[in-house]
Amino acid sequence: MITLSNTLNNKGIIQEFLDETKKRINDGVEITFSRKANDELSELAIDHNISADDIEQAMLNLTIDNYYRGVDPSTNADFSVCAFSTVVGDDNLEIYLKYGLHVTGVQIYVFSNHIPEFPMAKPFNN
């Protein structure tokens, strides 16, 4: 997955991704978790009392400052995929959150949601 450089144009691309995410969630689109993401969510639930609702809330609270990497500006893929560093739950647990928006449909698909194994750079975080 590529990392977009810190330019106004790239910030706009990520903001559009976030705006579309929020629109889909607010329109009632259900978030689907991959098998891997579902297993990771189970671990978060057991170890930190994190639920799918917490992940959804984290997605609604994302800003471009949370951007880690992703989104292919060529738009040649079926999904626009992006990864973020964000916090979830009452304890503000930092997680790596990677999800995609289906380009021609409305699906939101979570690929990964786990505690990061390494510090995550945030190229748009001022």
C-alpha atoms as a PDB file:
ATOM      1  CA  MET A   1       0.000   0.000   0.000  1.00  0.00           C
ATOM      2  CA  ILE A   2       1.369   3.408  -0.947  1.00  0.00           C
ATOM      3  CA  THR A   3       1.629   6.426   1.327  1.00  0.00           C
ATOM      4  CA  LEU A   4       0.399   9.674  -0.152  1.00  0.00           C
ATOM      5  CA  SER A   5       2.679  12.641   0.381  1.00  0.00           C
ATOM      6  CA  ASN A   6       1.538  15.656   2.369  1.00  0.00           C
ATOM      7  CA  THR A   7       0.032  17.878  -0.346  1.00  0.00           C
ATOM      8  CA  LEU A   8      -3.245  19.776  -0.479  1.00  0.00           C
ATOM      9  CA  ASN A   9      -4.444  17.540  -3.330  1.00  0.00           C
ATOM     10  CA  ASN A  10      -3.678  14.344  -1.398  1.00  0.00           C
ATOM     11  CA  LYS A  11      -5.308  15.710   1.739  1.00  0.00           C
ATOM     12  CA  GLY A  12      -8.385  16.344  -0.394  1.00  0.00           C
ATOM     13  CA  ILE A  13      -8.349  12.734  -1.636  1.00  0.00           C
ATOM     14  CA  ILE A  14      -8.264  11.402   1.930  1.00  0.00           C
ATOM     15  CA  GLN A  15     -10.934  13.872   3.063  1.00  0.00           C
ATOM     16  CA  GLU A  16     -13.206  12.634   0.248  1.00  0.00           C
ATOM     17  CA  PHE A  17     -12.578   9.046   1.415  1.00  0.00           C
ATOM     18  CA  LEU A  18     -13.510  10.008   4.990  1.00  0.00           C
ATOM     19  CA  ASP A  19     -16.566  11.983   3.874  1.00  0.00           C
ATOM     20  CA  GLU A  20     -17.785   9.005   1.824  1.00  0.00           C
ATOM     21  CA  THR A  21     -17.194   6.694   4.798  1.00  0.00           C
ATOM     22  CA  LYS A  22     -19.288   8.902   7.084  1.00  0.00           C
ATOM     23  CA  LYS A  23     -22.021   9.270   4.461  1.00  0.00           C
ATOM     24  CA  ARG A  24     -22.303   5.502   4.002  1.00  0.00           C
ATOM     25  CA  ILE A  25     -22.376   4.827   7.745  1.00  0.00           C
ATOM     26  CA  ASN A  26     -24.950   7.576   8.327  1.00  0.00           C
ATOM     27  CA  ASP A  27     -27.035   6.150   5.453  1.00  0.00           C
ATOM     28  CA  GLY A  28     -27.123   2.809   7.295  1.00  0.00           C
ATOM     29  CA  VAL A  29     -24.571   0.836   5.286  1.00  0.00           C
ATOM     30  CA  GLU A  30     -23.477  -2.145   7.363  1.00  0.00           C
ATOM     31  CA  ILE A  31     -19.770  -2.587   7.990  1.00  0.00           C
ATOM     32  CA  THR A  32     -18.446  -6.013   6.974  1.00  0.00           C
ATOM     33  CA  PHE A  33     -15.378  -7.505   8.672  1.00  0.00           C
ATOM     34  CA  SER A  34     -13.021  -9.868   6.868  1.00  0.00           C
ATOM     35  CA  ARG A  35     -12.285 -13.146   8.646  1.00  0.00           C
ATOM     36  CA  LYS A  36      -8.927 -11.716   9.800  1.00  0.00           C
ATOM     37  CA  ALA A  37     -10.516  -8.476  11.018  1.00  0.00           C
ATOM     38  CA  ASN A  38     -13.269 -10.426  12.786  1.00  0.00           C
ATOM     39  CA  ASP A  39     -10.638 -12.526  14.594  1.00  0.00           C
ATOM     40  CA  GLU A  40      -8.772  -9.344  15.558  1.00  0.00           C
ATOM     41  CA  LEU A  41     -12.017  -7.788  16.797  1.00  0.00           C
ATOM     42  CA  SER A  42     -12.648 -10.875  18.944  1.00  0.00           C
ATOM     43  CA  GLU A  43      -9.226 -10.385  20.564  1.00  0.00           C
ATOM     44  CA  LEU A  44      -9.952  -6.680  21.134  1.00  0.00           C
ATOM     45  CA  ALA A  45     -13.298  -7.597  22.680  1.00  0.00           C
ATOM     46  CA  ILE A  46     -11.774 -10.112  25.077  1.00  0.00           C
ATOM     47  CA  ASP A  47      -8.688  -8.098  26.012  1.00  0.00           C
ATOM     48  CA  HIS A  48     -10.089  -4.536  25.926  1.00  0.00           C
ATOM     49  CA  ASN A  49     -13.912  -4.721  25.743  1.00  0.00           C
ATOM     50  CA  ILE A  50     -13.914  -3.259  22.191  1.00  0.00           C
ATOM     51  CA  SER A  51     -16.958  -3.945  20.012  1.00  0.00           C
ATOM     52  CA  ALA A  52     -17.916  -3.500  16.361  1.00  0.00           C
ATOM     53  CA  ASP A  53     -19.824  -0.389  17.472  1.00  0.00           C
ATOM     54  CA  ASP A  54     -16.548   1.014  18.851  1.00  0.00           C
ATOM     55  CA  ILE A  55     -14.878   0.415  15.480  1.00  0.00           C
ATOM     56  CA  GLU A  56     -17.761   2.155  13.710  1.00  0.00           C
ATOM     57  CA  GLN A  57     -17.516   5.109  16.093  1.00  0.00           C
ATOM     58  CA  ALA A  58     -13.764   5.298  15.499  1.00  0.00           C
ATOM     59  CA  MET A  59     -14.422   5.377  11.741  1.00  0.00           C
ATOM     60  CA  LEU A  60     -16.890   8.228  12.195  1.00  0.00           C
ATOM     61  CA  ASN A  61     -14.303  10.174  14.215  1.00  0.00           C
ATOM     62  CA  LEU A  62     -11.418   9.782  11.740  1.00  0.00           C
ATOM     63  CA  THR A  63      -9.750  12.879  10.337  1.00  0.00           C
ATOM     64  CA  ILE A  64      -6.976  13.300   7.805  1.00  0.00           C
ATOM     65  CA  ASP A  65      -4.605  13.600  10.792  1.00  0.00           C
ATOM     66  CA  ASN A  66      -5.248   9.864  11.443  1.00  0.00           C
ATOM     67  CA  TYR A  67      -4.116   8.900   7.920  1.00  0.00           C
ATOM     68  CA  TYR A  68      -1.324   6.317   7.813  1.00  0.00           C
ATOM     69  CA  ARG A  69      -1.253   5.090   4.217  1.00  0.00           C
ATOM     70  CA  GLY A  70      -3.362   3.940   1.316  1.00  0.00           C
ATOM     71  CA  VAL A  71      -5.771   5.010  -1.405  1.00  0.00           C
ATOM     72  CA  ASP A  72      -4.561   4.534  -4.939  1.00  0.00           C
ATOM     73  CA  PRO A  73      -5.329   7.840  -6.684  1.00  0.00           C
ATOM     74  CA  SER A  74      -5.546   6.022 -10.052  1.00  0.00           C
ATOM     75  CA  THR A  75      -8.917   4.550  -8.926  1.00  0.00           C
ATOM     76  CA  ASN A  76      -8.227   1.313 -10.845  1.00  0.00           C
ATOM     77  CA  ALA A  77      -9.242  -1.041  -8.010  1.00  0.00           C
ATOM     78  CA  ASP A  78     -12.663  -2.335  -6.925  1.00  0.00           C
ATOM     79  CA  PHE A  79     -12.034  -0.937  -3.441  1.00  0.00           C
ATOM     80  CA  SER A  80     -10.436   2.275  -2.246  1.00  0.00           C
ATOM     81  CA  VAL A  81      -8.395   1.033   0.716  1.00  0.00           C
ATOM     82  CA  CYS A  82      -6.886   3.186   3.416  1.00  0.00           C
ATOM     83  CA  ALA A  83      -5.185   2.590   6.779  1.00  0.00           C
ATOM     84  CA  PHE A  84      -5.357   4.827   9.814  1.00  0.00           C
ATOM     85  CA  SER A  85      -3.968   5.077  13.307  1.00  0.00           C
ATOM     86  CA  THR A  86      -6.846   5.825  15.632  1.00  0.00           C
ATOM     87  CA  VAL A  87      -8.191   5.178  19.102  1.00  0.00           C
ATOM     88  CA  VAL A  88     -11.172   3.076  20.193  1.00  0.00           C
ATOM     89  CA  GLY A  89     -13.158   2.375  23.320  1.00  0.00           C
ATOM     90  CA  ASP A  90     -13.355   4.004  26.708  1.00  0.00           C
ATOM     91  CA  ASP A  91      -9.605   3.576  27.262  1.00  0.00           C
ATOM     92  CA  ASN A  92      -8.687   5.251  23.937  1.00  0.00           C
ATOM     93  CA  LEU A  93      -6.732   2.197  22.808  1.00  0.00           C
ATOM     94  CA  GLU A  94      -4.585   2.929  19.742  1.00  0.00           C
ATOM     95  CA  ILE A  95      -5.299   0.608  16.825  1.00  0.00           C
ATOM     96  CA  TYR A  96      -4.282   0.093  13.214  1.00  0.00           C
ATOM     97  CA  LEU A  97      -7.509   0.305  11.195  1.00  0.00           C
ATOM     98  CA  LYS A  98      -7.525  -0.641   7.504  1.00  0.00           C
ATOM     99  CA  TYR A  99     -10.750  -0.667   5.527  1.00  0.00           C
ATOM    100  CA  GLY A 100     -12.051  -0.219   2.035  1.00  0.00           C
ATOM    101  CA  LEU A 101     -14.951   1.439   0.308  1.00  0.00           C
ATOM    102  CA  HIS A 102     -16.343  -0.406  -2.700  1.00  0.00           C
ATOM    103  CA  VAL A 103     -15.903   1.885  -5.707  1.00  0.00           C
ATOM    104  CA  THR A 104     -19.071   0.955  -7.620  1.00  0.00           C
ATOM    105  CA  GLY A 105     -21.197  -0.168  -4.669  1.00  0.00           C
ATOM    106  CA  VAL A 106     -21.802   0.936  -1.110  1.00  0.00           C
ATOM    107  CA  GLN A 107     -19.959  -1.739   0.853  1.00  0.00           C
ATOM    108  CA  ILE A 108     -17.587  -0.855   3.715  1.00  0.00           C
ATOM    109  CA  TYR A 109     -15.138  -3.691   4.328  1.00  0.00           C
ATOM    110  CA  VAL A 110     -12.742  -3.803   7.306  1.00  0.00           C
ATOM    111  CA  PHE A 111      -9.544  -5.690   6.497  1.00  0.00           C
ATOM    112  CA  SER A 112      -7.688  -5.148   9.758  1.00  0.00           C
ATOM    113  CA  ASN A 113      -8.236  -3.651  13.219  1.00  0.00           C
ATOM    114  CA  HIS A 114      -5.561  -4.434  15.772  1.00  0.00           C
ATOM    115  CA  ILE A 115      -3.039  -2.912  18.139  1.00  0.00           C
ATOM    116  CA  PRO A 116      -0.105  -1.786  15.967  1.00  0.00           C
ATOM    117  CA  GLU A 117       3.096  -3.768  16.163  1.00  0.00           C
ATOM    118  CA  PHE A 118       5.204  -0.655  15.509  1.00  0.00           C
ATOM    119  CA  PRO A 119       4.840   3.139  15.767  1.00  0.00           C
ATOM    120  CA  MET A 120       2.653   4.469  12.988  1.00  0.00           C
ATOM    121  CA  ALA A 121       3.738   7.603  11.133  1.00  0.00           C
ATOM    122  CA  LYS A 122       0.926   9.998  10.279  1.00  0.00           C
ATOM    123  CA  PRO A 123       2.116  12.045   7.287  1.00  0.00           C
ATOM    124  CA  PHE A 124      -0.790  14.532   7.419  1.00  0.00           C
ATOM    125  CA  ASN A 125      -0.660  15.094  11.185  1.00  0.00           C
ATOM    126  CA  ASN A 126       0.532  18.626  11.758  1.00  0.00           C
END
